[in-house]
């Protein structure tokens, strides 16, 4: 069994949103400097590109010729960046999973590496599948999911995938993966995934997959 986890707001929860928020601040600053925009306009464009292209980088690359390395070299620097707290309970849960665990993130791998080390769980993962391993194309582009299957050497129901964005789960479910949506609030929409949980760890769903 292969267990795939998004990093931001999946391996750590909304109660630590300040971690992703600190990165978003750097992304806004990058947009401000690169496109000569005021802060509010840059922040709005950051969010718009994230929705339209899956990541802010996707929009900046497509429309403004921004290269991934210059983007990540900028946003991954600065004293303002926050890391998640140690995750003792999550570590025990991950170590008990049958099979291997991987991180599947829309960031460059160094961002997830730093966070996993801060949480004390880096050694729980066989590897990190990041944008640089996927030709700089991120979720939910359908082209990246077959590449992930090649990396982990598994497909279909042999893969369980956790992500906080429902749109990232759709192409995975279409390929037969078991999909789990990390969502802490109520939803009235029909679920387009196999399960919804509030946060990790979640013992009940793990036991369903093991059985």
N, C-alpha and C. Protein backbone atom coordinates (compact mmCIF):
# COMPACT_ATOMS: atom_id res chain seq x y z
N UNK A 1 0.85 -1.19 0.00
CA UNK A 1 0.00 0.00 0.00
C UNK A 1 0.89 1.25 0.00
N UNK A 2 0.51 2.22 -0.81
CA UNK A 2 1.19 3.51 -0.86
C UNK A 2 0.27 4.57 -0.26
N UNK A 3 0.82 5.33 0.69
CA UNK A 3 0.07 6.40 1.35
C UNK A 3 0.68 7.73 0.93
N UNK A 4 -0.09 8.52 0.18
CA UNK A 4 0.36 9.81 -0.32
C UNK A 4 -0.30 10.93 0.48
N UNK A 5 0.51 11.91 0.87
CA UNK A 5 -0.01 13.03 1.65
C UNK A 5 0.44 14.35 1.05
N UNK A 6 -0.52 15.24 0.82
CA UNK A 6 -0.16 16.63 0.59
C UNK A 6 0.53 17.13 1.85
N UNK A 7 1.31 18.21 1.71
CA UNK A 7 2.01 18.75 2.89
C UNK A 7 1.20 19.85 3.58
N UNK A 8 1.09 21.01 2.94
CA UNK A 8 0.46 22.17 3.58
C UNK A 8 -1.02 21.92 3.86
N UNK A 9 -1.41 22.13 5.11
CA UNK A 9 -2.79 22.02 5.59
C UNK A 9 -3.34 20.60 5.46
N UNK A 10 -2.44 19.63 5.31
CA UNK A 10 -2.82 18.22 5.35
C UNK A 10 -2.04 17.52 6.45
N UNK A 11 -0.72 17.50 6.34
CA UNK A 11 0.09 16.91 7.41
C UNK A 11 0.08 17.78 8.66
N UNK A 12 -0.11 19.06 8.50
CA UNK A 12 -0.44 19.92 9.64
C UNK A 12 -1.79 20.57 9.33
N UNK A 13 -2.52 20.97 10.37
CA UNK A 13 -3.90 21.39 10.16
C UNK A 13 -4.12 22.88 10.12
N UNK A 14 -5.39 23.25 10.02
CA UNK A 14 -5.75 24.66 9.94
C UNK A 14 -5.37 25.43 11.20
N UNK A 15 -5.20 24.74 12.32
CA UNK A 15 -4.80 25.43 13.53
C UNK A 15 -3.36 25.96 13.43
N UNK A 16 -2.63 25.51 12.40
CA UNK A 16 -1.29 26.03 12.15
C UNK A 16 -1.22 26.73 10.79
N UNK A 17 -2.32 27.38 10.43
CA UNK A 17 -2.38 28.08 9.15
C UNK A 17 -1.29 29.13 9.02
N UNK A 18 -0.77 29.61 10.15
CA UNK A 18 0.29 30.62 10.10
C UNK A 18 1.52 30.12 9.35
N UNK A 19 1.70 28.81 9.27
CA UNK A 19 2.83 28.25 8.51
C UNK A 19 2.67 28.58 7.03
N UNK A 20 1.53 28.19 6.46
CA UNK A 20 1.27 28.51 5.05
C UNK A 20 1.12 30.01 4.87
N UNK A 21 0.53 30.67 5.86
CA UNK A 21 0.37 32.12 5.77
C UNK A 21 1.68 32.85 5.64
N UNK A 22 2.71 32.36 6.33
CA UNK A 22 4.03 33.01 6.23
C UNK A 22 4.61 32.86 4.83
N UNK A 23 4.34 31.71 4.20
CA UNK A 23 4.80 31.51 2.82
C UNK A 23 4.00 32.38 1.86
N UNK A 24 2.69 32.48 2.09
CA UNK A 24 1.85 33.33 1.25
C UNK A 24 2.30 34.79 1.29
N UNK A 25 2.77 35.23 2.44
CA UNK A 25 3.28 36.60 2.54
C UNK A 25 4.47 36.81 1.60
N UNK A 26 5.34 35.82 1.54
CA UNK A 26 6.50 35.92 0.63
C UNK A 26 6.07 35.86 -0.83
N UNK A 27 5.05 35.04 -1.13
CA UNK A 27 4.55 34.97 -2.50
C UNK A 27 3.97 36.32 -2.91
N UNK A 28 3.21 36.94 -2.02
CA UNK A 28 2.66 38.27 -2.31
C UNK A 28 3.78 39.27 -2.56
N UNK A 29 4.83 39.21 -1.74
CA UNK A 29 5.97 40.12 -1.93
C UNK A 29 6.65 39.88 -3.27
N UNK A 30 6.74 38.63 -3.68
CA UNK A 30 7.34 38.33 -4.98
C UNK A 30 6.52 38.94 -6.10
N UNK A 31 5.19 38.77 -6.03
CA UNK A 31 4.30 39.32 -7.06
C UNK A 31 4.41 40.84 -7.06
N UNK A 32 4.47 41.46 -5.90
CA UNK A 32 4.62 42.91 -5.81
C UNK A 32 5.87 43.39 -6.55
N UNK A 33 6.98 42.73 -6.28
CA UNK A 33 8.25 43.16 -6.86
C UNK A 33 8.33 42.84 -8.35
N UNK A 34 7.87 41.64 -8.72
CA UNK A 34 8.03 41.21 -10.11
C UNK A 34 7.09 41.95 -11.06
N UNK A 35 5.89 42.28 -10.57
CA UNK A 35 4.88 42.91 -11.44
C UNK A 35 4.62 44.35 -11.06
N UNK A 36 5.38 44.89 -10.12
CA UNK A 36 5.25 46.29 -9.69
C UNK A 36 3.81 46.62 -9.28
N UNK A 37 3.29 45.80 -8.38
CA UNK A 37 1.93 45.98 -7.89
C UNK A 37 1.93 46.38 -6.43
N UNK A 38 0.87 47.06 -6.02
CA UNK A 38 0.67 47.34 -4.61
C UNK A 38 0.31 46.05 -3.88
N UNK A 39 0.43 46.05 -2.56
CA UNK A 39 0.26 44.82 -1.80
C UNK A 39 -1.11 44.19 -2.01
N UNK A 40 -2.18 44.97 -1.92
CA UNK A 40 -3.53 44.40 -2.05
C UNK A 40 -3.74 43.80 -3.43
N UNK A 41 -3.28 44.48 -4.46
CA UNK A 41 -3.43 43.97 -5.82
C UNK A 41 -2.61 42.69 -6.02
N UNK A 42 -1.41 42.67 -5.45
CA UNK A 42 -0.55 41.49 -5.57
C UNK A 42 -1.15 40.30 -4.84
N UNK A 43 -1.72 40.54 -3.67
CA UNK A 43 -2.32 39.45 -2.90
C UNK A 43 -3.54 38.90 -3.61
N UNK A 44 -4.34 39.78 -4.22
CA UNK A 44 -5.50 39.34 -4.98
C UNK A 44 -5.09 38.50 -6.19
N UNK A 45 -4.03 38.94 -6.87
CA UNK A 45 -3.56 38.20 -8.04
C UNK A 45 -2.97 36.85 -7.63
N UNK A 46 -2.28 36.82 -6.51
CA UNK A 46 -1.76 35.55 -5.99
C UNK A 46 -2.86 34.53 -5.83
N UNK A 47 -3.96 34.95 -5.22
CA UNK A 47 -5.08 34.04 -4.99
C UNK A 47 -5.79 33.68 -6.30
N UNK A 48 -5.92 34.64 -7.19
CA UNK A 48 -6.57 34.37 -8.48
C UNK A 48 -5.80 33.32 -9.27
N UNK A 49 -4.48 33.47 -9.34
CA UNK A 49 -3.67 32.51 -10.09
C UNK A 49 -3.70 31.13 -9.46
N UNK A 50 -3.77 31.10 -8.13
CA UNK A 50 -3.83 29.82 -7.44
C UNK A 50 -5.10 29.06 -7.83
N UNK A 51 -6.20 29.78 -7.95
CA UNK A 51 -7.47 29.15 -8.35
C UNK A 51 -7.44 28.76 -9.83
N UNK A 52 -6.98 29.67 -10.68
CA UNK A 52 -7.02 29.43 -12.14
C UNK A 52 -6.02 28.39 -12.60
N UNK A 53 -4.83 28.38 -11.99
CA UNK A 53 -3.75 27.54 -12.50
C UNK A 53 -3.33 26.43 -11.54
N UNK A 54 -3.96 26.34 -10.38
CA UNK A 54 -3.58 25.32 -9.41
C UNK A 54 -2.53 25.81 -8.42
N UNK A 55 -1.62 26.67 -8.89
CA UNK A 55 -0.62 27.32 -8.04
C UNK A 55 -0.42 28.74 -8.56
N UNK A 56 0.06 29.62 -7.68
CA UNK A 56 0.40 30.97 -8.13
C UNK A 56 1.51 30.91 -9.16
N UNK A 57 2.48 30.02 -8.94
CA UNK A 57 3.58 29.86 -9.89
C UNK A 57 3.06 29.52 -11.28
N UNK A 58 2.02 28.70 -11.35
CA UNK A 58 1.47 28.33 -12.65
C UNK A 58 1.05 29.54 -13.46
N UNK A 59 0.38 30.49 -12.80
CA UNK A 59 -0.03 31.71 -13.49
C UNK A 59 1.14 32.60 -13.83
N UNK A 60 2.08 32.72 -12.91
CA UNK A 60 3.24 33.57 -13.16
C UNK A 60 4.11 33.02 -14.29
N UNK A 61 4.21 31.70 -14.36
CA UNK A 61 5.00 31.09 -15.43
C UNK A 61 4.30 31.24 -16.78
N UNK A 62 2.99 31.00 -16.81
CA UNK A 62 2.24 31.05 -18.06
C UNK A 62 2.10 32.45 -18.62
N UNK A 63 1.92 33.43 -17.73
CA UNK A 63 1.58 34.77 -18.18
C UNK A 63 2.70 35.80 -18.04
N UNK A 64 3.72 35.48 -17.24
CA UNK A 64 4.75 36.49 -16.96
C UNK A 64 6.17 35.95 -17.08
N UNK A 65 6.32 34.75 -17.62
CA UNK A 65 7.64 34.15 -17.88
C UNK A 65 8.51 34.02 -16.63
N UNK A 66 7.88 33.83 -15.49
CA UNK A 66 8.62 33.61 -14.25
C UNK A 66 9.13 32.17 -14.23
N UNK A 67 10.41 31.97 -13.88
CA UNK A 67 10.96 30.62 -13.80
C UNK A 67 10.77 30.06 -12.39
N UNK A 68 10.58 28.74 -12.28
CA UNK A 68 10.36 28.15 -10.96
C UNK A 68 11.49 28.44 -9.98
N UNK A 69 12.72 28.36 -10.43
CA UNK A 69 13.83 28.52 -9.48
C UNK A 69 13.89 29.93 -8.91
N UNK A 70 13.68 30.97 -9.73
CA UNK A 70 13.72 32.33 -9.19
C UNK A 70 12.57 32.56 -8.22
N UNK A 71 11.45 31.95 -8.52
CA UNK A 71 10.27 32.07 -7.66
C UNK A 71 10.53 31.42 -6.29
N UNK A 72 10.96 30.16 -6.30
CA UNK A 72 11.15 29.46 -5.04
C UNK A 72 12.36 29.98 -4.27
N UNK A 73 13.41 30.38 -4.97
CA UNK A 73 14.56 30.95 -4.27
C UNK A 73 14.16 32.19 -3.48
N UNK A 74 13.18 32.93 -3.99
CA UNK A 74 12.71 34.13 -3.28
C UNK A 74 11.78 33.77 -2.14
N UNK A 75 10.76 32.95 -2.40
CA UNK A 75 9.72 32.75 -1.39
C UNK A 75 10.16 31.85 -0.24
N UNK A 76 11.23 31.07 -0.44
CA UNK A 76 11.69 30.17 0.62
C UNK A 76 12.75 30.81 1.51
N UNK A 77 12.95 32.09 1.40
CA UNK A 77 13.92 32.81 2.22
C UNK A 77 13.20 33.81 3.13
N UNK A 78 13.81 34.10 4.27
CA UNK A 78 13.26 35.14 5.14
C UNK A 78 13.02 34.67 6.56
N UNK A 79 13.23 35.56 7.50
CA UNK A 79 13.05 35.25 8.92
C UNK A 79 11.57 35.10 9.29
N UNK A 80 10.67 35.53 8.41
CA UNK A 80 9.24 35.46 8.72
C UNK A 80 8.66 34.07 8.55
N UNK A 81 9.36 33.17 7.88
CA UNK A 81 8.81 31.85 7.60
C UNK A 81 8.64 31.03 8.88
N UNK A 82 7.48 30.40 9.00
CA UNK A 82 7.14 29.60 10.17
C UNK A 82 7.14 28.12 9.81
N UNK A 83 7.43 27.30 10.81
CA UNK A 83 7.41 25.85 10.64
C UNK A 83 6.37 25.24 11.58
N UNK A 84 5.82 24.07 11.24
CA UNK A 84 4.86 23.42 12.14
C UNK A 84 5.55 22.93 13.41
N UNK A 85 4.75 22.70 14.43
CA UNK A 85 5.27 22.19 15.70
C UNK A 85 5.51 20.67 15.59
N UNK A 86 6.28 20.10 16.50
CA UNK A 86 6.49 18.65 16.52
C UNK A 86 5.16 17.90 16.59
N UNK A 87 5.10 16.76 15.89
CA UNK A 87 3.84 16.01 15.77
C UNK A 87 4.05 14.58 16.25
N UNK A 88 4.07 14.40 17.56
CA UNK A 88 4.38 13.09 18.14
C UNK A 88 3.31 12.06 17.81
N UNK A 89 2.04 12.44 17.95
CA UNK A 89 0.94 11.51 17.68
C UNK A 89 0.91 11.13 16.20
N UNK A 90 1.10 12.10 15.32
CA UNK A 90 1.11 11.82 13.89
C UNK A 90 2.27 10.90 13.53
N UNK A 91 3.42 11.10 14.15
CA UNK A 91 4.57 10.25 13.87
C UNK A 91 4.25 8.78 14.19
N UNK A 92 3.65 8.54 15.33
CA UNK A 92 3.30 7.17 15.71
C UNK A 92 2.30 6.57 14.73
N UNK A 93 1.34 7.37 14.29
CA UNK A 93 0.32 6.91 13.33
C UNK A 93 0.96 6.55 11.99
N UNK A 94 1.85 7.41 11.51
CA UNK A 94 2.52 7.15 10.23
C UNK A 94 3.38 5.90 10.29
N UNK A 95 4.07 5.70 11.39
CA UNK A 95 4.94 4.54 11.51
C UNK A 95 4.17 3.23 11.56
N UNK A 96 2.90 3.30 11.90
CA UNK A 96 2.07 2.10 11.99
C UNK A 96 1.36 1.76 10.68
N UNK A 97 1.48 2.63 9.68
CA UNK A 97 0.81 2.37 8.40
C UNK A 97 1.51 1.22 7.67
N UNK A 98 0.73 0.32 7.05
CA UNK A 98 1.32 -0.78 6.30
C UNK A 98 1.70 -0.32 4.89
N UNK A 99 2.95 -0.43 4.51
CA UNK A 99 3.39 0.06 3.21
C UNK A 99 4.32 1.24 3.38
N UNK A 100 4.36 2.10 2.36
CA UNK A 100 5.27 3.24 2.42
C UNK A 100 4.50 4.55 2.26
N UNK A 101 5.02 5.59 2.90
CA UNK A 101 4.41 6.91 2.89
C UNK A 101 5.24 7.86 2.04
N UNK A 102 4.56 8.72 1.30
CA UNK A 102 5.20 9.73 0.46
C UNK A 102 4.47 11.05 0.64
N UNK A 103 5.20 12.14 0.44
CA UNK A 103 4.59 13.47 0.36
C UNK A 103 4.44 13.84 -1.11
N UNK A 104 3.28 14.37 -1.47
CA UNK A 104 2.96 14.79 -2.85
C UNK A 104 2.51 16.24 -2.77
N UNK A 105 3.42 17.17 -3.09
CA UNK A 105 3.18 18.58 -2.82
C UNK A 105 3.31 19.44 -4.06
N UNK A 106 2.61 20.56 -4.05
CA UNK A 106 2.72 21.55 -5.13
C UNK A 106 3.82 22.57 -4.86
N UNK A 107 4.65 22.31 -3.88
CA UNK A 107 5.78 23.18 -3.58
C UNK A 107 7.08 22.56 -4.10
N UNK A 108 8.17 23.30 -3.98
CA UNK A 108 9.48 22.70 -4.21
C UNK A 108 9.83 21.89 -2.97
N UNK A 109 10.62 20.85 -3.14
CA UNK A 109 10.80 19.88 -2.06
C UNK A 109 11.43 20.48 -0.80
N UNK A 110 12.25 21.53 -0.92
CA UNK A 110 12.93 22.05 0.26
C UNK A 110 11.95 22.64 1.28
N UNK A 111 10.81 23.16 0.82
CA UNK A 111 9.81 23.68 1.75
C UNK A 111 9.22 22.56 2.60
N UNK A 112 8.85 21.45 1.97
CA UNK A 112 8.31 20.32 2.72
C UNK A 112 9.38 19.68 3.59
N UNK A 113 10.61 19.59 3.09
CA UNK A 113 11.70 19.01 3.88
C UNK A 113 11.85 19.73 5.22
N UNK A 114 11.88 21.05 5.17
CA UNK A 114 12.06 21.83 6.40
C UNK A 114 10.91 21.59 7.37
N UNK A 115 9.70 21.57 6.84
CA UNK A 115 8.55 21.36 7.70
C UNK A 115 8.50 19.97 8.31
N UNK A 116 8.81 18.95 7.52
CA UNK A 116 8.79 17.58 8.03
C UNK A 116 9.84 17.38 9.12
N UNK A 117 11.01 17.98 8.93
CA UNK A 117 12.04 17.89 9.96
C UNK A 117 11.59 18.60 11.24
N UNK A 118 10.94 19.76 11.10
CA UNK A 118 10.45 20.49 12.27
C UNK A 118 9.40 19.67 13.02
N UNK A 119 8.59 18.92 12.28
CA UNK A 119 7.54 18.10 12.88
C UNK A 119 8.10 16.80 13.47
N UNK A 120 9.33 16.46 13.08
CA UNK A 120 9.94 15.22 13.56
C UNK A 120 9.44 13.99 12.86
N UNK A 121 9.01 14.14 11.59
CA UNK A 121 8.42 13.00 10.86
C UNK A 121 9.09 12.74 9.51
N UNK A 122 10.21 13.40 9.21
CA UNK A 122 10.81 13.24 7.89
C UNK A 122 11.15 11.79 7.60
N UNK A 123 11.64 11.07 8.62
CA UNK A 123 12.05 9.69 8.39
C UNK A 123 10.88 8.73 8.22
N UNK A 124 9.65 9.21 8.38
CA UNK A 124 8.46 8.38 8.15
C UNK A 124 8.13 8.25 6.66
N UNK A 125 8.80 9.04 5.81
CA UNK A 125 8.45 9.09 4.39
C UNK A 125 9.56 8.53 3.51
N UNK A 126 9.15 7.74 2.54
CA UNK A 126 10.10 7.18 1.57
C UNK A 126 10.65 8.26 0.66
N UNK A 127 9.89 9.32 0.45
CA UNK A 127 10.34 10.40 -0.40
C UNK A 127 9.33 11.52 -0.50
N UNK A 128 9.75 12.60 -1.13
CA UNK A 128 8.89 13.76 -1.37
C UNK A 128 8.77 13.94 -2.88
N UNK A 129 7.55 13.93 -3.38
CA UNK A 129 7.27 14.16 -4.79
C UNK A 129 6.83 15.61 -4.92
N UNK A 130 7.69 16.44 -5.49
CA UNK A 130 7.47 17.88 -5.54
C UNK A 130 7.47 18.35 -6.99
N UNK A 131 7.27 19.65 -7.17
CA UNK A 131 7.13 20.20 -8.51
C UNK A 131 8.33 19.90 -9.40
N UNK A 132 9.55 19.91 -8.82
CA UNK A 132 10.73 19.68 -9.65
C UNK A 132 10.78 18.25 -10.20
N UNK A 133 10.00 17.34 -9.59
CA UNK A 133 9.96 15.97 -10.07
C UNK A 133 8.85 15.75 -11.10
N UNK A 134 8.03 16.78 -11.31
CA UNK A 134 6.85 16.65 -12.17
C UNK A 134 6.86 17.69 -13.28
N UNK A 135 8.06 18.01 -13.75
CA UNK A 135 8.22 18.98 -14.84
C UNK A 135 7.63 20.34 -14.49
N UNK A 136 7.64 20.67 -13.20
CA UNK A 136 7.14 21.95 -12.69
C UNK A 136 5.65 22.16 -12.97
N UNK A 137 4.92 21.07 -13.11
CA UNK A 137 3.47 21.12 -13.26
C UNK A 137 2.86 20.53 -11.99
N UNK A 138 1.90 21.21 -11.42
CA UNK A 138 1.34 20.76 -10.14
C UNK A 138 -0.06 20.20 -10.24
N UNK A 139 -0.54 19.69 -9.11
CA UNK A 139 -1.94 19.30 -8.98
C UNK A 139 -2.83 20.53 -9.23
N UNK A 140 -3.98 20.40 -9.84
CA UNK A 140 -4.65 19.16 -10.23
C UNK A 140 -4.47 18.78 -11.71
N UNK A 141 -3.40 19.21 -12.36
CA UNK A 141 -3.19 18.85 -13.78
C UNK A 141 -3.15 17.34 -13.92
N UNK A 142 -3.94 16.81 -14.83
CA UNK A 142 -4.07 15.36 -14.96
C UNK A 142 -2.77 14.67 -15.36
N UNK A 143 -1.84 15.43 -15.95
CA UNK A 143 -0.59 14.83 -16.42
C UNK A 143 0.33 14.41 -15.29
N UNK A 144 0.16 14.98 -14.08
CA UNK A 144 1.12 14.67 -13.02
C UNK A 144 0.83 13.35 -12.32
N UNK A 145 -0.42 12.89 -12.34
CA UNK A 145 -0.78 11.70 -11.58
C UNK A 145 -0.15 10.42 -12.14
N UNK A 146 -0.08 10.25 -13.46
CA UNK A 146 0.65 9.09 -13.98
C UNK A 146 2.14 9.13 -13.61
N UNK A 147 2.72 10.33 -13.56
CA UNK A 147 4.12 10.45 -13.16
C UNK A 147 4.31 10.02 -11.71
N UNK A 148 3.37 10.38 -10.87
CA UNK A 148 3.43 9.96 -9.46
C UNK A 148 3.37 8.43 -9.37
N UNK A 149 2.49 7.83 -10.17
CA UNK A 149 2.39 6.37 -10.17
C UNK A 149 3.71 5.72 -10.55
N UNK A 150 4.40 6.32 -11.52
CA UNK A 150 5.71 5.78 -11.92
C UNK A 150 6.72 5.88 -10.78
N UNK A 151 6.69 7.00 -10.06
CA UNK A 151 7.65 7.20 -8.97
C UNK A 151 7.41 6.21 -7.83
N UNK A 152 6.15 6.03 -7.45
CA UNK A 152 5.86 5.15 -6.29
C UNK A 152 5.67 3.70 -6.71
N UNK A 153 5.61 3.47 -8.02
CA UNK A 153 5.47 2.12 -8.58
C UNK A 153 4.20 1.43 -8.06
N UNK A 154 3.10 2.16 -8.16
CA UNK A 154 1.80 1.63 -7.76
C UNK A 154 0.72 2.38 -8.52
N UNK A 155 -0.49 1.86 -8.49
CA UNK A 155 -1.61 2.52 -9.16
C UNK A 155 -2.92 2.06 -8.53
N UNK A 156 -4.01 2.71 -8.95
CA UNK A 156 -5.34 2.31 -8.51
C UNK A 156 -5.51 2.29 -7.01
N UNK A 157 -6.21 1.28 -6.51
CA UNK A 157 -6.54 1.18 -5.09
C UNK A 157 -5.34 0.87 -4.20
N UNK A 158 -4.20 0.66 -4.81
CA UNK A 158 -2.98 0.48 -4.01
C UNK A 158 -2.46 1.82 -3.49
N UNK A 159 -3.09 2.92 -3.90
CA UNK A 159 -2.69 4.25 -3.47
C UNK A 159 -3.82 4.91 -2.67
N UNK A 160 -3.49 5.42 -1.50
CA UNK A 160 -4.42 6.23 -0.71
C UNK A 160 -3.85 7.64 -0.66
N UNK A 161 -4.65 8.61 -1.06
CA UNK A 161 -4.17 9.98 -1.23
C UNK A 161 -4.98 10.94 -0.38
N UNK A 162 -4.28 11.69 0.49
CA UNK A 162 -4.89 12.68 1.38
C UNK A 162 -4.52 14.08 0.89
N UNK A 163 -5.52 14.97 0.77
CA UNK A 163 -5.26 16.35 0.35
C UNK A 163 -6.35 17.24 0.91
N UNK A 164 -6.01 18.51 1.18
CA UNK A 164 -7.01 19.43 1.71
C UNK A 164 -7.82 20.11 0.61
N UNK A 165 -7.43 19.91 -0.66
CA UNK A 165 -8.17 20.52 -1.77
C UNK A 165 -8.89 19.43 -2.56
N UNK A 166 -10.21 19.55 -2.60
CA UNK A 166 -11.01 18.55 -3.31
C UNK A 166 -10.65 18.48 -4.78
N UNK A 167 -10.31 19.63 -5.38
CA UNK A 167 -9.96 19.64 -6.80
C UNK A 167 -8.72 18.80 -7.10
N UNK A 168 -7.81 18.68 -6.13
CA UNK A 168 -6.61 17.87 -6.32
C UNK A 168 -6.90 16.38 -6.25
N UNK A 169 -8.03 16.03 -5.62
CA UNK A 169 -8.38 14.63 -5.46
C UNK A 169 -9.10 14.06 -6.68
N UNK A 170 -9.76 14.92 -7.46
CA UNK A 170 -10.57 14.43 -8.56
C UNK A 170 -9.79 13.62 -9.59
N UNK A 171 -8.66 14.12 -10.11
CA UNK A 171 -7.92 13.32 -11.10
C UNK A 171 -7.40 12.02 -10.51
N UNK A 172 -7.09 12.03 -9.21
CA UNK A 172 -6.62 10.82 -8.54
C UNK A 172 -7.74 9.79 -8.45
N UNK A 173 -8.93 10.25 -8.09
CA UNK A 173 -10.06 9.32 -8.00
C UNK A 173 -10.42 8.76 -9.36
N UNK A 174 -10.28 9.58 -10.40
CA UNK A 174 -10.54 9.11 -11.76
C UNK A 174 -9.59 7.97 -12.15
N UNK A 175 -8.41 7.93 -11.53
CA UNK A 175 -7.44 6.88 -11.82
C UNK A 175 -7.59 5.69 -10.87
N UNK A 176 -8.60 5.74 -10.01
CA UNK A 176 -8.87 4.62 -9.14
C UNK A 176 -8.20 4.67 -7.79
N UNK A 177 -7.51 5.80 -7.48
CA UNK A 177 -6.90 5.92 -6.16
C UNK A 177 -8.00 6.08 -5.11
N UNK A 178 -7.72 5.67 -3.91
CA UNK A 178 -8.59 5.98 -2.77
C UNK A 178 -8.27 7.40 -2.30
N UNK A 179 -9.27 8.25 -2.26
CA UNK A 179 -9.04 9.67 -1.99
C UNK A 179 -9.69 10.10 -0.68
N UNK A 180 -8.94 10.89 0.09
CA UNK A 180 -9.41 11.36 1.39
C UNK A 180 -9.25 12.88 1.44
N UNK A 181 -10.34 13.55 1.70
CA UNK A 181 -10.37 15.02 1.75
C UNK A 181 -10.21 15.48 3.18
N UNK A 182 -9.20 16.27 3.47
CA UNK A 182 -9.01 16.89 4.77
C UNK A 182 -9.83 18.17 4.81
N UNK A 183 -10.92 18.16 5.56
CA UNK A 183 -11.84 19.29 5.57
C UNK A 183 -12.47 19.37 6.95
N UNK A 184 -12.22 20.46 7.66
CA UNK A 184 -12.66 20.56 9.05
C UNK A 184 -14.08 21.08 9.22
N UNK A 185 -14.67 21.66 8.18
CA UNK A 185 -15.99 22.24 8.31
C UNK A 185 -17.08 21.34 7.75
N UNK A 186 -18.31 21.79 7.88
CA UNK A 186 -19.44 21.08 7.31
C UNK A 186 -19.52 21.36 5.82
N UNK A 187 -20.04 20.42 5.06
CA UNK A 187 -20.24 20.63 3.63
C UNK A 187 -21.58 20.03 3.22
N UNK A 188 -22.30 20.76 2.40
CA UNK A 188 -23.58 20.27 1.90
C UNK A 188 -23.47 19.70 0.50
N UNK A 189 -22.30 19.84 -0.10
CA UNK A 189 -22.12 19.33 -1.46
C UNK A 189 -21.91 17.82 -1.42
N UNK A 190 -22.26 17.15 -2.51
CA UNK A 190 -22.02 15.72 -2.60
C UNK A 190 -20.53 15.48 -2.69
N UNK A 191 -20.02 14.56 -1.90
CA UNK A 191 -18.60 14.31 -1.86
C UNK A 191 -18.13 13.69 -3.17
N UNK A 192 -17.05 14.23 -3.70
CA UNK A 192 -16.44 13.68 -4.90
C UNK A 192 -15.10 13.06 -4.52
N UNK A 193 -15.12 12.34 -3.40
CA UNK A 193 -13.94 11.65 -2.91
C UNK A 193 -14.45 10.42 -2.14
N UNK A 194 -13.53 9.60 -1.66
CA UNK A 194 -13.95 8.38 -0.98
C UNK A 194 -14.25 8.59 0.49
N UNK A 195 -13.65 9.61 1.08
CA UNK A 195 -13.89 9.89 2.49
C UNK A 195 -13.52 11.32 2.79
N UNK A 196 -14.11 11.85 3.88
CA UNK A 196 -13.75 13.18 4.36
C UNK A 196 -13.43 13.06 5.84
N UNK A 197 -12.28 13.60 6.26
CA UNK A 197 -11.91 13.60 7.66
C UNK A 197 -11.55 15.03 8.07
N UNK A 198 -11.58 15.29 9.37
CA UNK A 198 -11.31 16.64 9.85
C UNK A 198 -9.82 16.93 9.86
N UNK A 199 -9.00 15.96 10.25
CA UNK A 199 -7.57 16.16 10.31
C UNK A 199 -6.88 14.83 10.56
N UNK A 200 -5.58 14.82 10.36
CA UNK A 200 -4.77 13.64 10.68
C UNK A 200 -4.30 13.71 12.13
N UNK A 201 -4.05 12.54 12.77
CA UNK A 201 -4.30 11.20 12.25
C UNK A 201 -5.77 10.80 12.39
N UNK A 202 -6.19 9.85 11.56
CA UNK A 202 -7.58 9.39 11.59
C UNK A 202 -7.56 7.86 11.56
N UNK A 203 -7.75 7.28 12.71
CA UNK A 203 -7.59 5.84 12.84
C UNK A 203 -8.68 5.05 12.13
N UNK A 204 -9.92 5.55 12.14
CA UNK A 204 -11.03 4.79 11.58
C UNK A 204 -10.85 4.57 10.08
N UNK A 205 -10.49 5.63 9.35
CA UNK A 205 -10.34 5.46 7.91
C UNK A 205 -9.13 4.60 7.59
N UNK A 206 -8.05 4.73 8.38
CA UNK A 206 -6.87 3.89 8.13
C UNK A 206 -7.26 2.42 8.24
N UNK A 207 -8.06 2.07 9.23
CA UNK A 207 -8.42 0.68 9.42
C UNK A 207 -9.28 0.17 8.27
N UNK A 208 -10.11 1.05 7.69
CA UNK A 208 -10.89 0.67 6.52
C UNK A 208 -9.97 0.28 5.36
N UNK A 209 -8.92 1.07 5.16
CA UNK A 209 -7.98 0.82 4.06
C UNK A 209 -7.18 -0.45 4.31
N UNK A 210 -6.81 -0.68 5.56
CA UNK A 210 -6.03 -1.86 5.87
C UNK A 210 -6.85 -3.13 5.70
N UNK A 211 -8.16 -3.01 5.99
CA UNK A 211 -8.99 -4.20 5.90
C UNK A 211 -9.33 -4.58 4.49
